[in-house]
C-alpha atoms as a PDB file:
ATOM      1  CA  UNK A   1      20.081 -32.660 -28.191  1.00  0.00           C
ATOM      2  CA  UNK A   2      20.465 -28.940 -28.993  1.00  0.00           C
ATOM      3  CA  UNK A   3      21.120 -26.208 -26.042  1.00  0.00           C
ATOM      4  CA  UNK A   4      18.933 -23.159 -25.976  1.00  0.00           C
ATOM      5  CA  UNK A   5      20.323 -19.809 -26.311  1.00  0.00           C
ATOM      6  CA  UNK A   6      20.012 -19.152 -22.603  1.00  0.00           C
ATOM      7  CA  UNK A   7      22.043 -22.549 -21.507  1.00  0.00           C
ATOM      8  CA  UNK A   8      24.662 -21.455 -23.903  1.00  0.00           C
ATOM      9  CA  UNK A   9      25.044 -18.164 -22.687  1.00  0.00           C
ATOM     10  CA  UNK A  10      25.059 -19.330 -19.208  1.00  0.00           C
ATOM     11  CA  UNK A  11      27.692 -21.850 -19.854  1.00  0.00           C
ATOM     12  CA  UNK A  12      29.883 -19.568 -21.739  1.00  0.00           C
ATOM     13  CA  UNK A  13      29.805 -16.413 -19.526  1.00  0.00           C
ATOM     14  CA  UNK A  14      28.837 -17.623 -16.029  1.00  0.00           C
ATOM     15  CA  UNK A  15      29.885 -20.147 -13.158  1.00  0.00           C
ATOM     16  CA  UNK A  16      27.811 -23.050 -12.196  1.00  0.00           C
ATOM     17  CA  UNK A  17      24.528 -21.993 -10.504  1.00  0.00           C
ATOM     18  CA  UNK A  18      24.262 -18.705 -12.441  1.00  0.00           C
ATOM     19  CA  UNK A  19      22.562 -17.271 -15.051  1.00  0.00           C
ATOM     20  CA  UNK A  20      23.244 -14.778 -17.502  1.00  0.00           C
ATOM     21  CA  UNK A  21      20.690 -11.824 -17.695  1.00  0.00           C
ATOM     22  CA  UNK A  22      21.124  -9.984 -21.062  1.00  0.00           C
ATOM     23  CA  UNK A  23      19.151  -6.893 -19.607  1.00  0.00           C
ATOM     24  CA  UNK A  24      21.959  -6.156 -16.836  1.00  0.00           C
ATOM     25  CA  UNK A  25      24.850  -7.828 -18.721  1.00  0.00           C
ATOM     26  CA  UNK A  26      25.453  -9.956 -15.338  1.00  0.00           C
ATOM     27  CA  UNK A  27      25.323 -13.047 -14.219  1.00  0.00           C
ATOM     28  CA  UNK A  28      22.855 -13.686 -11.378  1.00  0.00           C
ATOM     29  CA  UNK A  29      22.197 -16.604  -8.679  1.00  0.00           C
ATOM     30  CA  UNK A  30      19.667 -18.701 -10.441  1.00  0.00           C
ATOM     31  CA  UNK A  31      17.451 -18.829  -6.989  1.00  0.00           C
ATOM     32  CA  UNK A  32      17.384 -14.896  -6.669  1.00  0.00           C
ATOM     33  CA  UNK A  33      13.991 -14.293  -8.011  1.00  0.00           C
ATOM     34  CA  UNK A  34      12.508 -17.580  -6.412  1.00  0.00           C
ATOM     35  CA  UNK A  35      14.160 -18.510  -3.404  1.00  0.00           C
ATOM     36  CA  UNK A  36      12.312 -20.911  -1.019  1.00  0.00           C
ATOM     37  CA  UNK A  37       9.545 -23.433  -1.992  1.00  0.00           C
ATOM     38  CA  UNK A  38       7.165 -23.414  -4.727  1.00  0.00           C
ATOM     39  CA  UNK A  39       3.797 -23.115  -3.080  1.00  0.00           C
ATOM     40  CA  UNK A  40       3.391 -20.001  -1.168  1.00  0.00           C
ATOM     41  CA  UNK A  41       2.658 -19.869   2.296  1.00  0.00           C
ATOM     42  CA  UNK A  42      -0.824 -19.705   3.636  1.00  0.00           C
ATOM     43  CA  UNK A  43      -1.390 -18.173   7.150  1.00  0.00           C
ATOM     44  CA  UNK A  44      -2.591 -20.880   9.907  1.00  0.00           C
ATOM     45  CA  UNK A  45      -5.682 -18.838  10.734  1.00  0.00           C
ATOM     46  CA  UNK A  46      -7.569 -17.191   8.125  1.00  0.00           C
ATOM     47  CA  UNK A  47      -7.797 -13.372   8.963  1.00  0.00           C
ATOM     48  CA  UNK A  48     -11.779 -12.041   9.053  1.00  0.00           C
ATOM     49  CA  UNK A  49     -11.736  -8.497   7.807  1.00  0.00           C
ATOM     50  CA  UNK A  50     -13.119  -6.319  10.788  1.00  0.00           C
ATOM     51  CA  UNK A  51     -16.410  -4.858  10.671  1.00  0.00           C
ATOM     52  CA  UNK A  52     -16.964  -1.357   8.730  1.00  0.00           C
ATOM     53  CA  UNK A  53     -16.659   1.575  11.386  1.00  0.00           C
ATOM     54  CA  UNK A  54     -19.947   3.640  11.741  1.00  0.00           C
ATOM     55  CA  UNK A  55     -19.348   7.309  11.556  1.00  0.00           C
ATOM     56  CA  UNK A  56     -20.795   9.573  14.334  1.00  0.00           C
ATOM     57  CA  UNK A  57     -23.711  11.725  12.988  1.00  0.00           C
ATOM     58  CA  UNK A  58     -23.030  15.121  11.577  1.00  0.00           C
ATOM     59  CA  UNK A  59     -24.038  17.046  14.467  1.00  0.00           C
ATOM     60  CA  UNK A  60     -21.795  15.120  16.908  1.00  0.00           C
ATOM     61  CA  UNK A  61     -18.708  15.119  14.662  1.00  0.00           C
ATOM     62  CA  UNK A  62     -15.886  17.768  16.102  1.00  0.00           C
ATOM     63  CA  UNK A  63     -15.993  20.956  13.897  1.00  0.00           C
ATOM     64  CA  UNK A  64     -12.735  22.515  12.641  1.00  0.00           C
ATOM     65  CA  UNK A  65     -11.364  25.854  14.044  1.00  0.00           C
ATOM     66  CA  UNK A  66     -12.921  28.178  11.370  1.00  0.00           C
ATOM     67  CA  UNK A  67     -16.414  26.482  11.402  1.00  0.00           C
ATOM     68  CA  UNK A  68     -16.682  26.756  15.126  1.00  0.00           C
ATOM     69  CA  UNK A  69     -15.445  30.774  14.889  1.00  0.00           C
ATOM     70  CA  UNK A  70     -18.146  31.437  12.102  1.00  0.00           C
ATOM     71  CA  UNK A  71     -20.917  29.929  14.075  1.00  0.00           C
ATOM     72  CA  UNK A  72     -20.077  31.514  17.170  1.00  0.00           C
ATOM     73  CA  UNK A  73     -19.683  34.858  15.016  1.00  0.00           C
ATOM     74  CA  UNK A  74     -23.422  34.073  13.550  1.00  0.00           C
ATOM     75  CA  UNK A  75     -24.858  33.146  16.901  1.00  0.00           C
ATOM     76  CA  UNK A  76     -23.559  36.483  18.377  1.00  0.00           C
ATOM     77  CA  UNK A  77     -25.136  38.608  15.550  1.00  0.00           C
ATOM     78  CA  UNK A  78     -28.368  36.791  15.895  1.00  0.00           C
ATOM     79  CA  UNK A  79     -28.176  37.502  19.744  1.00  0.00           C
ATOM     80  CA  UNK A  80     -27.562  40.976  18.866  1.00  0.00           C
ATOM     81  CA  UNK A  81     -30.321  41.570  16.695  1.00  0.00           C
ATOM     82  CA  UNK A  82     -32.912  39.753  18.927  1.00  0.00           C
ATOM     83  CA  UNK A  83     -31.596  41.853  21.762  1.00  0.00           C
ATOM     84  CA  UNK A  84     -31.921  45.154  19.789  1.00  0.00           C
ATOM     85  CA  UNK A  85     -35.895  44.429  19.496  1.00  0.00           C
END
């Protein structure tokens, strides 16, 4: 039976249990990329997604400092106009 190119490289360059990687020019452990079992582990209880968080109406949202200062300034001008009449 004819050996594959990878098998020949592994036997020629690496010790038992290692495989030759041509990209890095190094021998790497065979189980380096697939350690553990072949089947992926599944969680015991399925996770249920959290319900979407409802946002507060725009009137109840906290305003930024710049917006609050602008609103106070506009309100002050409006009060001054009403007071001058």
